[in-house]
Amino acid sequence: MANYDNLPEGLEKFVVENPKGIDVKETRFRCKVAANDARYARNMLAGSDLMKFVADMATDLSLRRDNDSSKLANINVNFHQSIFGGETLEVISWPIQEGSRSRFNGIAIYKLVSYHADHWDRAKDTEECYKVLDEPLLCISGTFTAVVKSPRN
């Protein structure tokens, strides 16, 4: 664990967990979806653009567990909710099964902050456009298979 000591006065030290090795049971990251990534009406993102989060998570998990960036062999996901520009997401991945060179992993993408304004008529918007959700909303779930290099002897 790394300690970050140079914090502004008044803030206490915090510890950032940065696990690696075979003991990594899950990885997570939060991100805000860029509004300029939107491709469809009402600022909605295309599913293909959302797959970059799956690829990023596959790379992160493979680097942590195998010290290799891996190649994605298969992605199988279900879309449960639309995702719009400006929303905040949390991406979670975990290992399910490991072979000698392949890794079968689960993935879930949750919406934490939702864009809820009328996208068509900004003049009618009377409240804030973003809402922090009481419960994270499952948007994407599924699995992916990554292939890592064979170990060198």
Protein backbone atom coordinates (compact mmCIF):
# COMPACT_ATOMS: atom_id res chain seq x y z
CA MET A 1 0.00 0.00 0.00
CA ALA A 2 1.24 3.45 -0.85
CA ASN A 3 0.96 6.34 1.58
CA TYR A 4 0.33 9.79 0.19
CA ASP A 5 1.93 12.20 2.63
CA ASN A 6 1.82 15.57 0.83
CA LEU A 7 -1.81 16.47 1.44
CA PRO A 8 -3.21 19.95 1.99
CA GLU A 9 -3.27 21.05 5.60
CA GLY A 10 -6.26 19.75 7.51
CA LEU A 11 -6.59 16.50 5.57
CA GLU A 12 -5.50 13.27 7.19
CA LYS A 13 -3.25 10.74 5.50
CA PHE A 14 -5.02 8.21 3.39
CA VAL A 15 -3.92 4.84 2.09
CA VAL A 16 -4.46 3.74 -1.48
CA GLU A 17 -4.70 0.02 -2.07
CA ASN A 18 -2.90 -1.06 -5.22
CA PRO A 19 -2.99 -4.86 -5.15
CA LYS A 20 -1.09 -7.15 -7.49
CA GLY A 21 -0.44 -10.84 -7.93
CA ILE A 22 -2.56 -13.96 -7.82
CA ASP A 23 -4.37 -12.75 -4.68
CA VAL A 24 -6.26 -9.99 -6.55
CA LYS A 25 -9.93 -10.92 -6.17
CA GLU A 26 -11.45 -7.91 -7.93
CA THR A 27 -10.53 -4.59 -9.49
CA ARG A 28 -12.63 -1.43 -9.61
CA PHE A 29 -12.45 2.00 -11.13
CA ARG A 30 -14.79 4.96 -11.31
CA CYS A 31 -15.02 7.29 -14.26
CA LYS A 32 -17.14 10.09 -15.63
CA VAL A 33 -18.38 9.45 -19.15
CA ALA A 34 -17.34 12.24 -21.50
CA ALA A 35 -20.24 14.05 -23.12
CA ASN A 36 -18.31 14.24 -26.39
CA ASP A 37 -18.40 10.41 -26.55
CA ALA A 38 -22.18 10.55 -27.07
CA ARG A 39 -23.31 9.37 -30.50
CA TYR A 40 -27.06 9.22 -30.30
CA ALA A 41 -29.98 11.49 -29.51
CA ARG A 42 -30.35 12.67 -25.93
CA ASN A 43 -26.59 12.36 -25.37
CA MET A 44 -26.66 8.53 -25.26
CA LEU A 45 -23.48 6.49 -25.77
CA ALA A 46 -23.16 3.64 -28.23
CA GLY A 47 -22.64 0.16 -26.81
CA SER A 48 -19.44 -0.19 -28.81
CA ASP A 49 -18.03 2.87 -27.03
CA LEU A 50 -18.86 1.31 -23.67
CA MET A 51 -16.78 -1.74 -24.56
CA LYS A 52 -13.66 0.38 -24.05
CA PHE A 53 -14.36 0.11 -20.31
CA VAL A 54 -14.39 -3.69 -20.62
CA ALA A 55 -11.09 -3.61 -22.52
CA ASP A 56 -9.54 -1.24 -19.97
CA MET A 57 -10.64 -3.46 -17.10
CA ALA A 58 -9.38 -6.61 -18.85
CA THR A 59 -5.98 -4.98 -19.27
CA ASP A 60 -5.88 -3.78 -15.66
CA LEU A 61 -6.88 -7.15 -14.21
CA SER A 62 -4.37 -9.01 -16.42
CA LEU A 63 -1.55 -6.65 -15.50
CA ARG A 64 -2.28 -7.03 -11.81
CA ARG A 65 -2.62 -10.82 -11.80
CA ASP A 66 -0.22 -11.94 -14.56
CA ASN A 67 2.05 -8.96 -15.20
CA ASP A 68 0.90 -9.12 -18.83
CA SER A 69 -1.53 -6.88 -20.71
CA SER A 70 -3.32 -9.85 -22.36
CA LYS A 71 -5.42 -10.10 -25.51
CA LEU A 72 -9.19 -10.15 -25.40
CA ALA A 73 -10.49 -13.35 -26.97
CA ASN A 74 -14.19 -12.98 -26.19
CA ILE A 75 -16.60 -10.44 -24.66
CA ASN A 76 -20.16 -11.41 -23.75
CA VAL A 77 -22.21 -8.68 -22.09
CA ASN A 78 -25.84 -7.74 -21.51
CA PHE A 79 -27.01 -4.12 -21.57
CA HIS A 80 -29.57 -3.37 -18.85
CA GLN A 81 -29.70 0.46 -18.90
CA SER A 82 -28.67 3.22 -21.29
CA ILE A 83 -25.66 5.35 -20.41
CA PHE A 84 -25.53 9.05 -21.21
CA GLY A 85 -22.72 11.58 -21.45
CA GLY A 86 -21.76 13.12 -18.13
CA GLU A 87 -22.78 10.17 -15.96
CA THR A 88 -20.46 8.59 -13.40
CA LEU A 89 -19.84 4.86 -13.63
CA GLU A 90 -18.12 2.23 -11.53
CA VAL A 91 -16.59 -0.70 -13.39
CA ILE A 92 -15.91 -3.91 -11.45
CA SER A 93 -14.14 -7.05 -12.64
CA TRP A 94 -13.28 -10.31 -10.94
CA PRO A 95 -11.65 -13.62 -11.95
CA ILE A 96 -13.97 -16.59 -12.38
CA GLN A 97 -11.75 -19.32 -13.82
CA GLU A 98 -8.10 -19.57 -14.86
CA GLY A 99 -6.43 -21.89 -17.31
CA SER A 100 -2.72 -22.04 -18.11
CA ARG A 101 -3.05 -19.14 -20.58
CA SER A 102 -6.70 -18.06 -20.55
CA ARG A 103 -8.55 -16.09 -17.92
CA PHE A 104 -12.35 -16.10 -17.71
CA ASN A 105 -13.55 -13.02 -15.81
CA GLY A 106 -16.80 -11.38 -14.80
CA ILE A 107 -17.57 -7.70 -15.32
CA ALA A 108 -20.27 -5.30 -14.13
CA ILE A 109 -20.75 -1.61 -14.85
CA TYR A 110 -22.90 0.41 -12.46
CA LYS A 111 -24.24 3.94 -12.82
CA LEU A 112 -23.60 6.05 -9.70
CA VAL A 113 -24.61 9.51 -10.96
CA SER A 114 -27.41 9.76 -13.50
CA TYR A 115 -28.24 12.43 -16.08
CA HIS A 116 -31.97 12.92 -15.78
CA ALA A 117 -32.88 16.26 -17.38
CA ASP A 118 -35.09 16.68 -20.42
CA HIS A 119 -32.41 16.44 -23.07
CA TRP A 120 -34.54 18.15 -25.69
CA ASP A 121 -35.74 21.30 -23.98
CA ARG A 122 -33.10 22.91 -21.76
CA ALA A 123 -35.36 25.92 -21.14
CA LYS A 124 -37.73 23.70 -19.13
CA ASP A 125 -34.99 22.33 -16.88
CA THR A 126 -35.72 23.75 -13.46
CA GLU A 127 -33.52 21.51 -11.36
CA GLU A 128 -30.00 20.13 -11.51
CA CYS A 129 -29.42 17.82 -14.47
CA TYR A 130 -27.48 15.21 -12.50
CA LYS A 131 -28.71 13.07 -9.64
CA VAL A 132 -26.61 10.96 -7.27
CA LEU A 133 -28.44 7.65 -7.14
CA ASP A 134 -29.43 6.16 -3.78
CA GLU A 135 -28.47 2.69 -5.06
CA PRO A 136 -26.02 1.98 -7.88
CA LEU A 137 -27.88 0.99 -11.05
CA LEU A 138 -26.59 -2.05 -12.97
CA CYS A 139 -26.10 -1.01 -16.60
CA ILE A 140 -23.90 -3.76 -18.06
CA SER A 141 -23.06 -7.25 -16.85
CA GLY A 142 -21.23 -10.13 -18.44
CA THR A 143 -17.97 -11.96 -18.93
CA PHE A 144 -14.79 -11.71 -20.94
CA THR A 145 -11.97 -14.08 -21.75
CA ALA A 146 -8.40 -12.83 -21.85
CA VAL A 147 -5.37 -14.71 -23.14
CA VAL A 148 -1.96 -14.09 -21.55
CA LYS A 149 1.53 -15.00 -22.74
CA SER A 150 2.79 -18.46 -21.96
CA PRO A 151 5.16 -18.49 -19.01
CA ARG A 152 8.86 -18.46 -19.86
CA ASN A 153 11.06 -21.11 -18.32
